[in-house]
């Protein structure tokens, strides 16, 4: 019972973490949470300038540090280049947060094929490609007592039916939740946990237009009566990546203020 002290239960100090799509939105919230709790975080995003700038700002917050590794994860070559870059710097990675994603909303009548393709590719296929390429780094970090941790960022839209016509996005997130369970089932014996978080409404660039147009309506659909805060998503990741979450795998955890369970009045 010696490790029941809260500071050791939720300790992520000195863990090496990769957060994809880490320069803005939910990815930035997660990266920030790990850094202020002493982890060493690599963030990737398509725009090198933004990625570098955000990494410098996050490092100033300490006590952890942030390293920028820009990559366009739509491309399989870029996925492998990203892993090669990390491998030059680290022999092990304790936590992989697959957060990079895209969305597209359009009427079923005009919804473009290439948009469907891009959303499914980034949100689902490349999560698989990156996880596959990161396995040896995760294996090296994993121990029986403290597993390595894969955290996939899904969505409540992969569980319920969204108001907007986001066919590919919703389908990709539902598939990601199932892929998370399949990975958890096959990676457990390697001491790697795999879980998904299904966020509800958070203040992010992807959500900005929706919040601007339907803000009151969205908050009205959240039983807890507010939009998610950075701490809400960061804390869930820290739980999953620390001793606290070492026996949780294959879970899809809604972090949505009760959106999915709202009673119809």
C-alpha atoms as a PDB file:
ATOM      1  CA  UNK A   1       0.000   0.000   0.000  1.00  0.00           C
ATOM      2  CA  UNK A   2       3.070   2.234  -0.002  1.00  0.00           C
ATOM      3  CA  UNK A   3       2.277   3.985  -3.308  1.00  0.00           C
ATOM      4  CA  UNK A   4      -1.178   5.243  -2.280  1.00  0.00           C
ATOM      5  CA  UNK A   5       0.088   8.794  -1.742  1.00  0.00           C
ATOM      6  CA  UNK A   6      -1.600  11.022  -4.338  1.00  0.00           C
ATOM      7  CA  UNK A   7       1.668  12.608  -5.494  1.00  0.00           C
ATOM      8  CA  UNK A   8       3.041   9.198  -6.505  1.00  0.00           C
ATOM      9  CA  UNK A   9      -0.296   7.884  -7.819  1.00  0.00           C
ATOM     10  CA  UNK A  10      -0.557  10.665 -10.413  1.00  0.00           C
ATOM     11  CA  UNK A  11       3.149  11.236 -10.952  1.00  0.00           C
ATOM     12  CA  UNK A  12       4.249  11.832 -14.569  1.00  0.00           C
ATOM     13  CA  UNK A  13       7.506  13.603 -13.758  1.00  0.00           C
ATOM     14  CA  UNK A  14      10.313  12.779 -16.236  1.00  0.00           C
ATOM     15  CA  UNK A  15       8.006  10.690 -18.429  1.00  0.00           C
ATOM     16  CA  UNK A  16       8.605  11.112 -22.170  1.00  0.00           C
ATOM     17  CA  UNK A  17       5.388  11.958 -23.999  1.00  0.00           C
ATOM     18  CA  UNK A  18       4.458  12.504 -27.656  1.00  0.00           C
ATOM     19  CA  UNK A  19       1.320  14.555 -28.350  1.00  0.00           C
ATOM     20  CA  UNK A  20       0.276  14.804 -31.998  1.00  0.00           C
ATOM     21  CA  UNK A  21      -1.596  17.946 -32.995  1.00  0.00           C
ATOM     22  CA  UNK A  22      -0.027  19.421 -29.869  1.00  0.00           C
ATOM     23  CA  UNK A  23       0.239  23.069 -30.920  1.00  0.00           C
ATOM     24  CA  UNK A  24      -3.402  24.044 -30.432  1.00  0.00           C
ATOM     25  CA  UNK A  25      -6.780  23.021 -29.074  1.00  0.00           C
ATOM     26  CA  UNK A  26      -7.098  19.851 -27.026  1.00  0.00           C
ATOM     27  CA  UNK A  27      -3.564  18.712 -27.925  1.00  0.00           C
ATOM     28  CA  UNK A  28      -2.123  21.928 -26.500  1.00  0.00           C
ATOM     29  CA  UNK A  29      -4.212  21.524 -23.321  1.00  0.00           C
ATOM     30  CA  UNK A  30      -2.825  17.997 -22.880  1.00  0.00           C
ATOM     31  CA  UNK A  31       0.800  18.984 -23.604  1.00  0.00           C
ATOM     32  CA  UNK A  32       0.531  21.882 -21.147  1.00  0.00           C
ATOM     33  CA  UNK A  33      -0.834  19.579 -18.415  1.00  0.00           C
ATOM     34  CA  UNK A  34       2.041  17.114 -18.768  1.00  0.00           C
ATOM     35  CA  UNK A  35       4.706  19.860 -18.864  1.00  0.00           C
ATOM     36  CA  UNK A  36       3.560  21.653 -15.708  1.00  0.00           C
ATOM     37  CA  UNK A  37       3.650  18.245 -14.023  1.00  0.00           C
ATOM     38  CA  UNK A  38       7.281  17.681 -14.995  1.00  0.00           C
ATOM     39  CA  UNK A  39       7.095  15.540 -18.136  1.00  0.00           C
ATOM     40  CA  UNK A  40       9.219  15.914 -21.258  1.00  0.00           C
ATOM     41  CA  UNK A  41       6.769  16.452 -24.109  1.00  0.00           C
ATOM     42  CA  UNK A  42       7.292  16.284 -27.861  1.00  0.00           C
ATOM     43  CA  UNK A  43       4.588  18.030 -29.862  1.00  0.00           C
ATOM     44  CA  UNK A  44       3.960  17.662 -33.575  1.00  0.00           C
ATOM     45  CA  UNK A  45       1.794  19.708 -35.914  1.00  0.00           C
ATOM     46  CA  UNK A  46       1.844  20.574 -39.618  1.00  0.00           C
ATOM     47  CA  UNK A  47       3.025  24.165 -39.224  1.00  0.00           C
ATOM     48  CA  UNK A  48       6.689  24.218 -38.189  1.00  0.00           C
ATOM     49  CA  UNK A  49       6.588  27.912 -37.181  1.00  0.00           C
ATOM     50  CA  UNK A  50       3.596  27.489 -34.881  1.00  0.00           C
ATOM     51  CA  UNK A  51       4.943  24.239 -33.451  1.00  0.00           C
ATOM     52  CA  UNK A  52       8.331  25.828 -32.604  1.00  0.00           C
ATOM     53  CA  UNK A  53       6.717  28.907 -31.056  1.00  0.00           C
ATOM     54  CA  UNK A  54       4.319  26.899 -28.877  1.00  0.00           C
ATOM     55  CA  UNK A  55       7.115  24.559 -27.716  1.00  0.00           C
ATOM     56  CA  UNK A  56       9.235  27.539 -26.626  1.00  0.00           C
ATOM     57  CA  UNK A  57       6.284  29.054 -24.715  1.00  0.00           C
ATOM     58  CA  UNK A  58       5.439  25.762 -22.982  1.00  0.00           C
ATOM     59  CA  UNK A  59       9.058  25.130 -21.949  1.00  0.00           C
ATOM     60  CA  UNK A  60       9.064  28.507 -20.158  1.00  0.00           C
ATOM     61  CA  UNK A  61       6.205  27.272 -17.964  1.00  0.00           C
ATOM     62  CA  UNK A  62       8.261  24.282 -16.754  1.00  0.00           C
ATOM     63  CA  UNK A  63       9.205  22.280 -14.787  1.00  0.00           C
ATOM     64  CA  UNK A  64       8.985  19.887 -17.745  1.00  0.00           C
ATOM     65  CA  UNK A  65      10.153  20.769 -21.236  1.00  0.00           C
ATOM     66  CA  UNK A  66       8.586  20.849 -24.674  1.00  0.00           C
ATOM     67  CA  UNK A  67      10.292  19.919 -27.947  1.00  0.00           C
ATOM     68  CA  UNK A  68       8.839  20.747 -31.348  1.00  0.00           C
ATOM     69  CA  UNK A  69       8.867  18.040 -34.048  1.00  0.00           C
ATOM     70  CA  UNK A  70       6.693  19.311 -36.910  1.00  0.00           C
ATOM     71  CA  UNK A  71       5.162  16.667 -39.197  1.00  0.00           C
ATOM     72  CA  UNK A  72       2.212  16.319 -41.546  1.00  0.00           C
ATOM     73  CA  UNK A  73       0.674  13.090 -40.326  1.00  0.00           C
ATOM     74  CA  UNK A  74      -1.557  12.674 -43.393  1.00  0.00           C
ATOM     75  CA  UNK A  75       1.531  11.148 -44.996  1.00  0.00           C
ATOM     76  CA  UNK A  76       2.953   7.747 -44.046  1.00  0.00           C
ATOM     77  CA  UNK A  77       6.507   8.955 -44.877  1.00  0.00           C
ATOM     78  CA  UNK A  78       6.037  11.835 -42.417  1.00  0.00           C
ATOM     79  CA  UNK A  79       4.825   9.421 -39.726  1.00  0.00           C
ATOM     80  CA  UNK A  80       8.022   7.408 -40.134  1.00  0.00           C
ATOM     81  CA  UNK A  81      10.172  10.541 -40.246  1.00  0.00           C
ATOM     82  CA  UNK A  82       8.595  11.749 -36.980  1.00  0.00           C
ATOM     83  CA  UNK A  83       9.370   8.444 -35.266  1.00  0.00           C
ATOM     84  CA  UNK A  84      12.943   8.523 -36.630  1.00  0.00           C
ATOM     85  CA  UNK A  85      13.383  12.060 -35.204  1.00  0.00           C
ATOM     86  CA  UNK A  86      12.184  10.973 -31.755  1.00  0.00           C
ATOM     87  CA  UNK A  87      14.317   7.825 -31.884  1.00  0.00           C
ATOM     88  CA  UNK A  88      17.430   9.972 -32.404  1.00  0.00           C
ATOM     89  CA  UNK A  89      16.643  11.755 -29.143  1.00  0.00           C
ATOM     90  CA  UNK A  90      14.981   9.104 -26.955  1.00  0.00           C
ATOM     91  CA  UNK A  91      15.428   5.395 -26.338  1.00  0.00           C
ATOM     92  CA  UNK A  92      11.926   5.105 -24.868  1.00  0.00           C
ATOM     93  CA  UNK A  93       8.580   6.891 -24.898  1.00  0.00           C
ATOM     94  CA  UNK A  94       6.201   6.341 -21.980  1.00  0.00           C
ATOM     95  CA  UNK A  95       3.079   7.984 -23.389  1.00  0.00           C
ATOM     96  CA  UNK A  96       1.704   8.373 -26.916  1.00  0.00           C
ATOM     97  CA  UNK A  97      -1.248  10.742 -27.258  1.00  0.00           C
ATOM     98  CA  UNK A  98      -2.862  10.349 -30.686  1.00  0.00           C
ATOM     99  CA  UNK A  99      -4.707  13.642 -30.905  1.00  0.00           C
ATOM    100  CA  UNK A 100      -4.105  15.015 -34.422  1.00  0.00           C
ATOM    101  CA  UNK A 101      -7.379  15.040 -36.313  1.00  0.00           C
ATOM    102  CA  UNK A 102      -9.522  16.776 -38.895  1.00  0.00           C
ATOM    103  CA  UNK A 103     -13.231  17.336 -39.323  1.00  0.00           C
ATOM    104  CA  UNK A 104     -15.537  18.203 -42.212  1.00  0.00           C
ATOM    105  CA  UNK A 105     -19.202  19.121 -42.104  1.00  0.00           C
ATOM    106  CA  UNK A 106     -21.333  19.259 -45.224  1.00  0.00           C
ATOM    107  CA  UNK A 107     -24.712  18.156 -46.528  1.00  0.00           C
ATOM    108  CA  UNK A 108     -24.902  14.504 -47.573  1.00  0.00           C
ATOM    109  CA  UNK A 109     -25.842  15.679 -51.077  1.00  0.00           C
ATOM    110  CA  UNK A 110     -22.528  17.461 -51.700  1.00  0.00           C
ATOM    111  CA  UNK A 111     -20.139  15.847 -49.195  1.00  0.00           C
ATOM    112  CA  UNK A 112     -16.864  15.436 -51.188  1.00  0.00           C
ATOM    113  CA  UNK A 113     -15.093  12.126 -51.553  1.00  0.00           C
ATOM    114  CA  UNK A 114     -11.642  13.616 -50.938  1.00  0.00           C
ATOM    115  CA  UNK A 115     -12.817  15.215 -47.670  1.00  0.00           C
ATOM    116  CA  UNK A 116     -14.098  11.830 -46.467  1.00  0.00           C
ATOM    117  CA  UNK A 117     -10.764  10.282 -47.463  1.00  0.00           C
ATOM    118  CA  UNK A 118      -8.653  12.894 -45.633  1.00  0.00           C
ATOM    119  CA  UNK A 119     -10.675  12.729 -42.414  1.00  0.00           C
ATOM    120  CA  UNK A 120     -10.638   8.919 -42.249  1.00  0.00           C
ATOM    121  CA  UNK A 121      -6.947   8.810 -43.135  1.00  0.00           C
ATOM    122  CA  UNK A 122      -5.779  11.240 -40.434  1.00  0.00           C
ATOM    123  CA  UNK A 123      -8.256  10.343 -37.694  1.00  0.00           C
ATOM    124  CA  UNK A 124      -8.033   6.571 -38.014  1.00  0.00           C
ATOM    125  CA  UNK A 125      -5.485   5.078 -40.395  1.00  0.00           C
ATOM    126  CA  UNK A 126      -2.566   7.302 -39.366  1.00  0.00           C
ATOM    127  CA  UNK A 127      -3.298   6.755 -35.672  1.00  0.00           C
ATOM    128  CA  UNK A 128      -2.713   3.081 -36.441  1.00  0.00           C
ATOM    129  CA  UNK A 129       0.420   3.830 -38.545  1.00  0.00           C
ATOM    130  CA  UNK A 130       1.982   6.007 -35.843  1.00  0.00           C
ATOM    131  CA  UNK A 131       1.168   3.606 -33.009  1.00  0.00           C
ATOM    132  CA  UNK A 132       2.634   0.749 -35.047  1.00  0.00           C
ATOM    133  CA  UNK A 133       5.827   2.735 -35.701  1.00  0.00           C
ATOM    134  CA  UNK A 134       6.111   3.806 -32.025  1.00  0.00           C
ATOM    135  CA  UNK A 135       5.753   0.301 -30.558  1.00  0.00           C
ATOM    136  CA  UNK A 136       9.437  -0.398 -29.954  1.00  0.00           C
ATOM    137  CA  UNK A 137       9.854   2.930 -28.100  1.00  0.00           C
ATOM    138  CA  UNK A 138       6.757   2.153 -25.995  1.00  0.00           C
ATOM    139  CA  UNK A 139       7.958  -1.425 -25.368  1.00  0.00           C
ATOM    140  CA  UNK A 140      11.242  -0.125 -23.975  1.00  0.00           C
ATOM    141  CA  UNK A 141       9.404   2.167 -21.550  1.00  0.00           C
ATOM    142  CA  UNK A 142       6.856  -0.423 -20.422  1.00  0.00           C
ATOM    143  CA  UNK A 143       7.154  -2.325 -17.152  1.00  0.00           C
ATOM    144  CA  UNK A 144       4.707  -4.648 -15.422  1.00  0.00           C
ATOM    145  CA  UNK A 145       4.148  -2.164 -12.603  1.00  0.00           C
ATOM    146  CA  UNK A 146       4.101   0.940 -14.804  1.00  0.00           C
ATOM    147  CA  UNK A 147       2.832   0.177 -18.304  1.00  0.00           C
ATOM    148  CA  UNK A 148       3.470   2.436 -21.261  1.00  0.00           C
ATOM    149  CA  UNK A 149       0.324   4.262 -22.281  1.00  0.00           C
ATOM    150  CA  UNK A 150      -1.433   4.929 -25.588  1.00  0.00           C
ATOM    151  CA  UNK A 151      -4.182   7.536 -25.345  1.00  0.00           C
ATOM    152  CA  UNK A 152      -6.385   8.025 -28.406  1.00  0.00           C
ATOM    153  CA  UNK A 153      -8.502  11.168 -28.547  1.00  0.00           C
ATOM    154  CA  UNK A 154     -11.922  10.116 -29.798  1.00  0.00           C
ATOM    155  CA  UNK A 155     -15.127  12.123 -29.499  1.00  0.00           C
ATOM    156  CA  UNK A 156     -18.651  12.019 -28.113  1.00  0.00           C
ATOM    157  CA  UNK A 157     -19.609  12.329 -31.801  1.00  0.00           C
ATOM    158  CA  UNK A 158     -18.358   8.764 -32.195  1.00  0.00           C
ATOM    159  CA  UNK A 159     -20.940   7.676 -29.601  1.00  0.00           C
ATOM    160  CA  UNK A 160     -24.050   9.817 -30.150  1.00  0.00           C
ATOM    161  CA  UNK A 161     -25.499  11.425 -33.280  1.00  0.00           C
ATOM    162  CA  UNK A 162     -24.190  14.985 -33.734  1.00  0.00           C
ATOM    163  CA  UNK A 163     -26.428  17.821 -34.924  1.00  0.00           C
ATOM    164  CA  UNK A 164     -23.963  18.755 -37.676  1.00  0.00           C
ATOM    165  CA  UNK A 165     -23.519  16.522 -40.727  1.00  0.00           C
ATOM    166  CA  UNK A 166     -20.025  15.267 -39.921  1.00  0.00           C
ATOM    167  CA  UNK A 167     -20.233  11.840 -41.553  1.00  0.00           C
ATOM    168  CA  UNK A 168     -16.547  10.994 -41.851  1.00  0.00           C
ATOM    169  CA  UNK A 169     -15.581  12.567 -38.509  1.00  0.00           C
ATOM    170  CA  UNK A 170     -18.216  10.703 -36.494  1.00  0.00           C
ATOM    171  CA  UNK A 171     -17.482   7.435 -38.291  1.00  0.00           C
ATOM    172  CA  UNK A 172     -13.726   7.853 -37.811  1.00  0.00           C
ATOM    173  CA  UNK A 173     -14.129   8.463 -34.065  1.00  0.00           C
ATOM    174  CA  UNK A 174     -16.453   5.470 -33.580  1.00  0.00           C
ATOM    175  CA  UNK A 175     -13.907   3.336 -35.445  1.00  0.00           C
ATOM    176  CA  UNK A 176     -11.077   4.795 -33.336  1.00  0.00           C
ATOM    177  CA  UNK A 177     -12.918   3.793 -30.143  1.00  0.00           C
ATOM    178  CA  UNK A 178     -13.210   0.206 -31.410  1.00  0.00           C
ATOM    179  CA  UNK A 179      -9.592   0.145 -32.634  1.00  0.00           C
ATOM    180  CA  UNK A 180      -8.564   1.302 -29.129  1.00  0.00           C
ATOM    181  CA  UNK A 181     -10.287  -1.724 -27.610  1.00  0.00           C
ATOM    182  CA  UNK A 182      -8.684  -4.082 -30.148  1.00  0.00           C
ATOM    183  CA  UNK A 183      -5.220  -2.605 -29.470  1.00  0.00           C
ATOM    184  CA  UNK A 184      -5.767  -2.862 -25.710  1.00  0.00           C
ATOM    185  CA  UNK A 185      -6.640  -6.544 -26.068  1.00  0.00           C
ATOM    186  CA  UNK A 186      -3.512  -7.324 -28.061  1.00  0.00           C
ATOM    187  CA  UNK A 187      -0.977  -5.071 -26.313  1.00  0.00           C
ATOM    188  CA  UNK A 188      -1.769  -5.879 -22.687  1.00  0.00           C
ATOM    189  CA  UNK A 189       0.753  -8.731 -22.490  1.00  0.00           C
ATOM    190  CA  UNK A 190       3.440  -6.220 -23.559  1.00  0.00           C
ATOM    191  CA  UNK A 191       2.501  -4.013 -20.578  1.00  0.00           C
ATOM    192  CA  UNK A 192       1.067  -1.291 -22.805  1.00  0.00           C
ATOM    193  CA  UNK A 193      -2.347   0.158 -21.957  1.00  0.00           C
ATOM    194  CA  UNK A 194      -4.531   1.666 -24.658  1.00  0.00           C
ATOM    195  CA  UNK A 195      -7.494   3.883 -23.864  1.00  0.00           C
ATOM    196  CA  UNK A 196      -9.582   6.494 -25.625  1.00  0.00           C
ATOM    197  CA  UNK A 197     -10.959   9.756 -24.315  1.00  0.00           C
ATOM    198  CA  UNK A 198     -14.180  11.008 -25.894  1.00  0.00           C
ATOM    199  CA  UNK A 199     -14.253  14.771 -25.281  1.00  0.00           C
ATOM    200  CA  UNK A 200     -17.454  16.764 -25.409  1.00  0.00           C
ATOM    201  CA  UNK A 201     -17.358  20.492 -26.205  1.00  0.00           C
ATOM    202  CA  UNK A 202     -14.003  22.161 -25.497  1.00  0.00           C
ATOM    203  CA  UNK A 203     -12.750  25.581 -26.550  1.00  0.00           C
ATOM    204  CA  UNK A 204     -10.638  24.614 -29.597  1.00  0.00           C
ATOM    205  CA  UNK A 205     -10.028  25.858 -33.121  1.00  0.00           C
ATOM    206  CA  UNK A 206     -12.009  22.939 -34.507  1.00  0.00           C
ATOM    207  CA  UNK A 207     -14.953  23.892 -32.259  1.00  0.00           C
ATOM    208  CA  UNK A 208     -14.574  27.693 -32.558  1.00  0.00           C
ATOM    209  CA  UNK A 209     -17.107  28.300 -35.332  1.00  0.00           C
ATOM    210  CA  UNK A 210     -19.615  25.883 -33.806  1.00  0.00           C
ATOM    211  CA  UNK A 211     -19.273  27.538 -30.392  1.00  0.00           C
ATOM    212  CA  UNK A 212     -19.658  30.982 -31.943  1.00  0.00           C
ATOM    213  CA  UNK A 213     -22.841  30.019 -33.784  1.00  0.00           C
ATOM    214  CA  UNK A 214     -24.408  27.581 -31.302  1.00  0.00           C
ATOM    215  CA  UNK A 215     -22.637  28.373 -28.008  1.00  0.00           C
ATOM    216  CA  UNK A 216     -25.717  28.781 -25.812  1.00  0.00           C
ATOM    217  CA  UNK A 217     -27.389  25.726 -27.306  1.00  0.00           C
ATOM    218  CA  UNK A 218     -24.233  23.638 -26.750  1.00  0.00           C
ATOM    219  CA  UNK A 219     -23.848  24.693 -23.116  1.00  0.00           C
ATOM    220  CA  UNK A 220     -27.579  24.029 -22.683  1.00  0.00           C
ATOM    221  CA  UNK A 221     -26.931  20.410 -23.680  1.00  0.00           C
ATOM    222  CA  UNK A 222     -24.208  19.932 -21.043  1.00  0.00           C
ATOM    223  CA  UNK A 223     -25.700  18.880 -17.679  1.00  0.00           C
ATOM    224  CA  UNK A 224     -22.724  20.418 -15.843  1.00  0.00           C
ATOM    225  CA  UNK A 225     -23.545  23.703 -17.582  1.00  0.00           C
ATOM    226  CA  UNK A 226     -20.159  24.653 -19.021  1.00  0.00           C
ATOM    227  CA  UNK A 227     -17.643  24.023 -21.802  1.00  0.00           C
ATOM    228  CA  UNK A 228     -14.680  21.780 -20.936  1.00  0.00           C
ATOM    229  CA  UNK A 229     -11.608  23.456 -19.430  1.00  0.00           C
ATOM    230  CA  UNK A 230      -7.973  22.547 -20.219  1.00  0.00           C
ATOM    231  CA  UNK A 231      -7.577  20.892 -16.793  1.00  0.00           C
ATOM    232  CA  UNK A 232     -10.492  18.540 -17.495  1.00  0.00           C
ATOM    233  CA  UNK A 233      -8.812  16.860 -20.457  1.00  0.00           C
ATOM    234  CA  UNK A 234      -5.220  17.116 -19.161  1.00  0.00           C
ATOM    235  CA  UNK A 235      -6.123  15.474 -15.839  1.00  0.00           C
ATOM    236  CA  UNK A 236      -7.788  12.519 -17.568  1.00  0.00           C
ATOM    237  CA  UNK A 237      -4.620  11.953 -19.621  1.00  0.00           C
ATOM    238  CA  UNK A 238      -2.432  12.224 -16.517  1.00  0.00           C
ATOM    239  CA  UNK A 239      -4.609   9.633 -14.774  1.00  0.00           C
ATOM    240  CA  UNK A 240      -4.276   7.228 -17.710  1.00  0.00           C
ATOM    241  CA  UNK A 241      -0.505   7.799 -18.024  1.00  0.00           C
ATOM    242  CA  UNK A 242       0.360   7.421 -14.323  1.00  0.00           C
ATOM    243  CA  UNK A 243       0.204   4.680 -11.672  1.00  0.00           C
ATOM    244  CA  UNK A 244      -3.399   5.748 -11.097  1.00  0.00           C
ATOM    245  CA  UNK A 245      -4.471   4.351 -14.470  1.00  0.00           C
ATOM    246  CA  UNK A 246      -2.119   1.363 -14.676  1.00  0.00           C
ATOM    247  CA  UNK A 247      -4.982  -1.166 -14.514  1.00  0.00           C
ATOM    248  CA  UNK A 248      -7.295   0.680 -16.906  1.00  0.00           C
ATOM    249  CA  UNK A 249      -7.115  -0.461 -20.512  1.00  0.00           C
ATOM    250  CA  UNK A 250      -9.585  -0.703 -23.393  1.00  0.00           C
ATOM    251  CA  UNK A 251     -11.754   2.034 -21.903  1.00  0.00           C
ATOM    252  CA  UNK A 252     -13.475   4.849 -23.792  1.00  0.00           C
ATOM    253  CA  UNK A 253     -13.856   7.623 -21.247  1.00  0.00           C
ATOM    254  CA  UNK A 254     -16.306  10.434 -22.017  1.00  0.00           C
ATOM    255  CA  UNK A 255     -15.042  13.791 -20.709  1.00  0.00           C
ATOM    256  CA  UNK A 256     -18.111  15.730 -21.702  1.00  0.00           C
ATOM    257  CA  UNK A 257     -19.806  17.281 -18.664  1.00  0.00           C
ATOM    258  CA  UNK A 258     -22.591  14.707 -19.024  1.00  0.00           C
ATOM    259  CA  UNK A 259     -23.499  15.483 -22.648  1.00  0.00           C
ATOM    260  CA  UNK A 260     -24.081  11.806 -23.449  1.00  0.00           C
ATOM    261  CA  UNK A 261     -26.336  11.214 -20.444  1.00  0.00           C
ATOM    262  CA  UNK A 262     -28.430  14.369 -20.594  1.00  0.00           C
ATOM    263  CA  UNK A 263     -32.022  13.575 -19.695  1.00  0.00           C
ATOM    264  CA  UNK A 264     -34.623  14.673 -22.226  1.00  0.00           C
ATOM    265  CA  UNK A 265     -36.981  17.015 -20.404  1.00  0.00           C
END
